Amino acid sequence: MKKLVGLVPFFIAPLFIASLAWAQDLPEGDGKKLLQQGCTGCHDLDVIVSQRLPKERWQSLVQDMVDRGAPLKEDEVKILIEYLAKSFPPETNK
């Protein structure tokens, strides 16, 4: 059992490093820090940013997360929604 416990950091470290890489790859903007601080307590960044949603859907999704306990103030919610809508809009067919 002690051998398994000693291996835990080797399994967790790559996940931590991957989350740091995602954080560095996020588009700059007023909502970047809010996304990192307000959403990653429950979600990995890749789960969030892999979604490509219209602003109305981001608004609904963020409000649902706030209702469930996401630590965001009302003014922060507006900033985060704008950031998500601008940074991760629906992909257009080319």
N, C-alpha and C. Protein backbone atom coordinates (compact mmCIF):
# COMPACT_ATOMS: atom_id res chain seq x y z
N MET A 1 0.82 -1.19 0.00
CA MET A 1 0.00 0.00 0.00
C MET A 1 0.87 1.26 0.00
N LYS A 2 1.97 1.24 0.79
CA LYS A 2 2.85 2.40 0.84
C LYS A 2 3.44 2.71 -0.53
N LYS A 3 3.73 1.67 -1.30
CA LYS A 3 4.28 1.88 -2.64
C LYS A 3 3.28 2.60 -3.52
N LEU A 4 2.01 2.24 -3.43
CA LEU A 4 0.98 2.89 -4.22
C LEU A 4 0.81 4.35 -3.82
N VAL A 5 0.82 4.63 -2.54
CA VAL A 5 0.67 6.00 -2.06
C VAL A 5 1.84 6.85 -2.55
N GLY A 6 3.03 6.28 -2.56
CA GLY A 6 4.21 7.00 -3.01
C GLY A 6 4.17 7.33 -4.49
N LEU A 7 3.36 6.60 -5.25
CA LEU A 7 3.26 6.83 -6.69
C LEU A 7 2.22 7.89 -7.06
N VAL A 8 1.38 8.26 -6.12
CA VAL A 8 0.32 9.24 -6.40
C VAL A 8 0.85 10.51 -7.05
N PRO A 9 1.94 11.13 -6.54
CA PRO A 9 2.43 12.36 -7.18
C PRO A 9 2.80 12.16 -8.66
N PHE A 10 3.24 10.98 -9.02
CA PHE A 10 3.61 10.71 -10.40
C PHE A 10 2.40 10.66 -11.32
N PHE A 11 1.25 10.35 -10.76
CA PHE A 11 0.03 10.34 -11.55
C PHE A 11 -0.64 11.71 -11.59
N ILE A 12 -0.52 12.46 -10.51
CA ILE A 12 -1.17 13.76 -10.41
C ILE A 12 -0.36 14.84 -11.13
N ALA A 13 0.94 14.77 -11.07
CA ALA A 13 1.80 15.80 -11.67
C ALA A 13 1.47 16.06 -13.14
N PRO A 14 1.33 15.03 -13.98
CA PRO A 14 1.00 15.32 -15.39
C PRO A 14 -0.32 16.05 -15.56
N LEU A 15 -1.30 15.74 -14.74
CA LEU A 15 -2.59 16.44 -14.82
C LEU A 15 -2.43 17.91 -14.45
N PHE A 16 -1.65 18.17 -13.42
CA PHE A 16 -1.40 19.54 -13.00
C PHE A 16 -0.66 20.32 -14.09
N ILE A 17 0.35 19.70 -14.67
CA ILE A 17 1.12 20.34 -15.73
C ILE A 17 0.23 20.62 -16.94
N ALA A 18 -0.63 19.68 -17.28
CA ALA A 18 -1.55 19.88 -18.41
C ALA A 18 -2.49 21.05 -18.15
N SER A 19 -2.98 21.18 -16.92
CA SER A 19 -3.88 22.29 -16.62
C SER A 19 -3.15 23.62 -16.69
N LEU A 20 -1.88 23.65 -16.31
CA LEU A 20 -1.09 24.88 -16.45
C LEU A 20 -0.91 25.24 -17.92
N ALA A 21 -0.69 24.24 -18.74
CA ALA A 21 -0.52 24.49 -20.18
C ALA A 21 -1.79 25.09 -20.76
N TRP A 22 -2.95 24.56 -20.37
CA TRP A 22 -4.21 25.11 -20.85
C TRP A 22 -4.37 26.56 -20.41
N ALA A 23 -4.01 26.82 -19.16
CA ALA A 23 -4.15 28.18 -18.63
C ALA A 23 -3.31 29.16 -19.43
N GLN A 24 -2.14 28.75 -19.87
CA GLN A 24 -1.28 29.62 -20.64
C GLN A 24 -1.82 29.83 -22.05
N ASP A 25 -2.56 28.85 -22.56
CA ASP A 25 -3.09 28.93 -23.92
C ASP A 25 -4.41 29.68 -24.01
N LEU A 26 -5.00 30.03 -22.90
CA LEU A 26 -6.26 30.76 -22.94
C LEU A 26 -6.06 32.12 -23.58
N PRO A 27 -7.03 32.55 -24.37
CA PRO A 27 -6.93 33.90 -24.95
C PRO A 27 -6.89 34.95 -23.84
N GLU A 28 -6.15 36.00 -24.09
CA GLU A 28 -6.11 37.10 -23.12
C GLU A 28 -7.47 37.79 -23.12
N GLY A 29 -7.80 38.38 -22.00
CA GLY A 29 -9.06 39.11 -21.89
C GLY A 29 -9.44 39.27 -20.43
N ASP A 30 -10.40 40.15 -20.18
CA ASP A 30 -10.82 40.45 -18.82
C ASP A 30 -11.34 39.23 -18.07
N GLY A 31 -11.88 38.27 -18.78
CA GLY A 31 -12.46 37.10 -18.12
C GLY A 31 -11.53 35.92 -17.93
N LYS A 32 -10.30 36.02 -18.41
CA LYS A 32 -9.38 34.89 -18.32
C LYS A 32 -9.17 34.45 -16.87
N LYS A 33 -8.87 35.39 -16.02
CA LYS A 33 -8.62 35.05 -14.61
C LYS A 33 -9.89 34.56 -13.94
N LEU A 34 -11.03 35.14 -14.30
CA LEU A 34 -12.31 34.67 -13.73
C LEU A 34 -12.58 33.23 -14.12
N LEU A 35 -12.28 32.89 -15.36
CA LEU A 35 -12.46 31.51 -15.83
C LEU A 35 -11.56 30.57 -15.03
N GLN A 36 -10.32 30.96 -14.86
CA GLN A 36 -9.36 30.12 -14.13
C GLN A 36 -9.77 29.96 -12.67
N GLN A 37 -10.23 31.03 -12.05
CA GLN A 37 -10.53 30.99 -10.62
C GLN A 37 -11.95 30.52 -10.32
N GLY A 38 -12.90 30.89 -11.16
CA GLY A 38 -14.30 30.61 -10.85
C GLY A 38 -14.84 29.30 -11.38
N CYS A 39 -14.14 28.71 -12.32
CA CYS A 39 -14.69 27.52 -12.98
C CYS A 39 -13.89 26.24 -12.74
N THR A 40 -12.59 26.39 -12.53
CA THR A 40 -11.74 25.21 -12.45
C THR A 40 -11.80 24.48 -11.11
N GLY A 41 -12.55 25.01 -10.17
CA GLY A 41 -12.76 24.27 -8.93
C GLY A 41 -13.57 23.01 -9.16
N CYS A 42 -14.39 23.04 -10.20
CA CYS A 42 -15.24 21.88 -10.51
C CYS A 42 -14.95 21.27 -11.88
N HIS A 43 -14.34 22.04 -12.78
CA HIS A 43 -14.14 21.59 -14.16
C HIS A 43 -12.70 21.75 -14.59
N ASP A 44 -12.25 20.84 -15.44
CA ASP A 44 -10.97 21.03 -16.11
C ASP A 44 -11.18 22.07 -17.20
N LEU A 45 -10.16 22.86 -17.46
CA LEU A 45 -10.28 23.89 -18.49
C LEU A 45 -10.63 23.31 -19.86
N ASP A 46 -10.11 22.13 -20.19
CA ASP A 46 -10.39 21.58 -21.51
C ASP A 46 -11.86 21.26 -21.69
N VAL A 47 -12.55 20.91 -20.62
CA VAL A 47 -14.00 20.65 -20.70
C VAL A 47 -14.74 21.93 -21.05
N ILE A 48 -14.28 23.02 -20.48
CA ILE A 48 -14.95 24.31 -20.68
C ILE A 48 -14.66 24.86 -22.07
N VAL A 49 -13.38 24.96 -22.41
CA VAL A 49 -13.01 25.64 -23.65
C VAL A 49 -13.25 24.80 -24.90
N SER A 50 -13.52 23.53 -24.74
CA SER A 50 -13.82 22.71 -25.91
C SER A 50 -15.24 22.97 -26.42
N GLN A 51 -16.05 23.63 -25.59
CA GLN A 51 -17.40 23.98 -26.00
C GLN A 51 -17.35 25.25 -26.84
N ARG A 52 -18.09 25.29 -27.88
CA ARG A 52 -18.18 26.46 -28.77
C ARG A 52 -19.64 26.85 -28.81
N LEU A 53 -19.99 27.86 -28.02
CA LEU A 53 -21.40 28.20 -27.84
C LEU A 53 -21.69 29.65 -28.19
N PRO A 54 -22.94 29.93 -28.60
CA PRO A 54 -23.34 31.33 -28.78
C PRO A 54 -23.47 32.00 -27.41
N LYS A 55 -23.43 33.32 -27.42
CA LYS A 55 -23.46 34.08 -26.18
C LYS A 55 -24.64 33.70 -25.29
N GLU A 56 -25.80 33.52 -25.86
CA GLU A 56 -27.00 33.20 -25.08
C GLU A 56 -26.82 31.88 -24.33
N ARG A 57 -26.18 30.94 -24.97
CA ARG A 57 -25.96 29.63 -24.34
C ARG A 57 -24.90 29.74 -23.25
N TRP A 58 -23.83 30.53 -23.50
CA TRP A 58 -22.84 30.74 -22.45
C TRP A 58 -23.51 31.39 -21.24
N GLN A 59 -24.39 32.35 -21.50
CA GLN A 59 -25.08 33.05 -20.42
C GLN A 59 -25.89 32.07 -19.58
N SER A 60 -26.63 31.22 -20.24
CA SER A 60 -27.44 30.23 -19.54
C SER A 60 -26.57 29.25 -18.74
N LEU A 61 -25.49 28.81 -19.35
CA LEU A 61 -24.60 27.85 -18.71
C LEU A 61 -23.90 28.45 -17.49
N VAL A 62 -23.38 29.65 -17.64
CA VAL A 62 -22.70 30.32 -16.52
C VAL A 62 -23.69 30.58 -15.39
N GLN A 63 -24.89 31.04 -15.71
CA GLN A 63 -25.89 31.29 -14.67
C GLN A 63 -26.24 30.01 -13.93
N ASP A 64 -26.34 28.91 -14.66
CA ASP A 64 -26.61 27.61 -14.03
C ASP A 64 -25.49 27.25 -13.06
N MET A 65 -24.25 27.49 -13.45
CA MET A 65 -23.12 27.18 -12.59
C MET A 65 -23.11 28.09 -11.34
N VAL A 66 -23.47 29.34 -11.51
CA VAL A 66 -23.56 30.26 -10.36
C VAL A 66 -24.65 29.77 -9.42
N ASP A 67 -25.78 29.36 -9.98
CA ASP A 67 -26.88 28.84 -9.15
C ASP A 67 -26.46 27.59 -8.38
N ARG A 68 -25.49 26.87 -8.94
CA ARG A 68 -24.99 25.65 -8.28
C ARG A 68 -23.83 25.95 -7.32
N GLY A 69 -23.42 27.21 -7.24
CA GLY A 69 -22.41 27.56 -6.26
C GLY A 69 -21.08 28.08 -6.79
N ALA A 70 -20.98 28.32 -8.09
CA ALA A 70 -19.73 28.88 -8.63
C ALA A 70 -19.46 30.22 -7.94
N PRO A 71 -18.23 30.43 -7.50
CA PRO A 71 -17.91 31.63 -6.71
C PRO A 71 -17.68 32.87 -7.56
N LEU A 72 -18.75 33.36 -8.17
CA LEU A 72 -18.67 34.55 -9.02
C LEU A 72 -19.70 35.58 -8.58
N LYS A 73 -19.27 36.84 -8.55
CA LYS A 73 -20.18 37.94 -8.25
C LYS A 73 -20.92 38.34 -9.52
N GLU A 74 -22.00 39.09 -9.36
CA GLU A 74 -22.83 39.46 -10.50
C GLU A 74 -22.05 40.19 -11.60
N ASP A 75 -21.20 41.13 -11.21
CA ASP A 75 -20.42 41.85 -12.22
C ASP A 75 -19.38 40.94 -12.88
N GLU A 76 -18.87 39.96 -12.15
CA GLU A 76 -17.91 39.01 -12.71
C GLU A 76 -18.58 38.08 -13.72
N VAL A 77 -19.84 37.73 -13.45
CA VAL A 77 -20.59 36.86 -14.37
C VAL A 77 -20.69 37.51 -15.74
N LYS A 78 -20.99 38.79 -15.78
CA LYS A 78 -21.12 39.50 -17.05
C LYS A 78 -19.79 39.51 -17.81
N ILE A 79 -18.71 39.75 -17.09
CA ILE A 79 -17.38 39.77 -17.71
C ILE A 79 -17.02 38.39 -18.25
N LEU A 80 -17.31 37.36 -17.46
CA LEU A 80 -17.00 35.99 -17.88
C LEU A 80 -17.80 35.59 -19.11
N ILE A 81 -19.06 35.93 -19.15
CA ILE A 81 -19.91 35.59 -20.30
C ILE A 81 -19.37 36.26 -21.56
N GLU A 82 -19.02 37.53 -21.46
CA GLU A 82 -18.46 38.24 -22.62
C GLU A 82 -17.16 37.58 -23.09
N TYR A 83 -16.31 37.20 -22.14
CA TYR A 83 -15.05 36.55 -22.46
C TYR A 83 -15.28 35.21 -23.16
N LEU A 84 -16.16 34.39 -22.61
CA LEU A 84 -16.43 33.08 -23.20
C LEU A 84 -17.05 33.22 -24.59
N ALA A 85 -17.99 34.14 -24.73
CA ALA A 85 -18.66 34.33 -26.03
C ALA A 85 -17.68 34.81 -27.09
N LYS A 86 -16.77 35.68 -26.71
CA LYS A 86 -15.79 36.20 -27.66
C LYS A 86 -14.70 35.17 -27.95
N SER A 87 -14.24 34.47 -26.93
CA SER A 87 -13.11 33.56 -27.06
C SER A 87 -13.49 32.18 -27.60
N PHE A 88 -14.71 31.74 -27.33
CA PHE A 88 -15.13 30.38 -27.69
C PHE A 88 -16.52 30.40 -28.34
N PRO A 89 -16.65 31.10 -29.46
CA PRO A 89 -17.94 31.16 -30.17
C PRO A 89 -18.17 29.87 -30.96
N PRO A 90 -19.38 29.71 -31.48
CA PRO A 90 -19.63 28.54 -32.33
C PRO A 90 -18.72 28.61 -33.56
N GLU A 91 -18.28 27.45 -33.99
CA GLU A 91 -17.45 27.40 -35.19
C GLU A 91 -18.34 27.59 -36.39
N THR A 92 -17.86 28.36 -37.34
CA THR A 92 -18.63 28.59 -38.56
C THR A 92 -18.19 27.57 -39.61
N ASN A 93 -19.13 27.11 -40.38
CA ASN A 93 -18.81 26.18 -41.47
C ASN A 93 -18.15 26.94 -42.59
N LYS A 94 -17.05 26.42 -43.06
CA LYS A 94 -16.33 27.09 -44.14
C LYS A 94 -16.51 26.37 -45.45
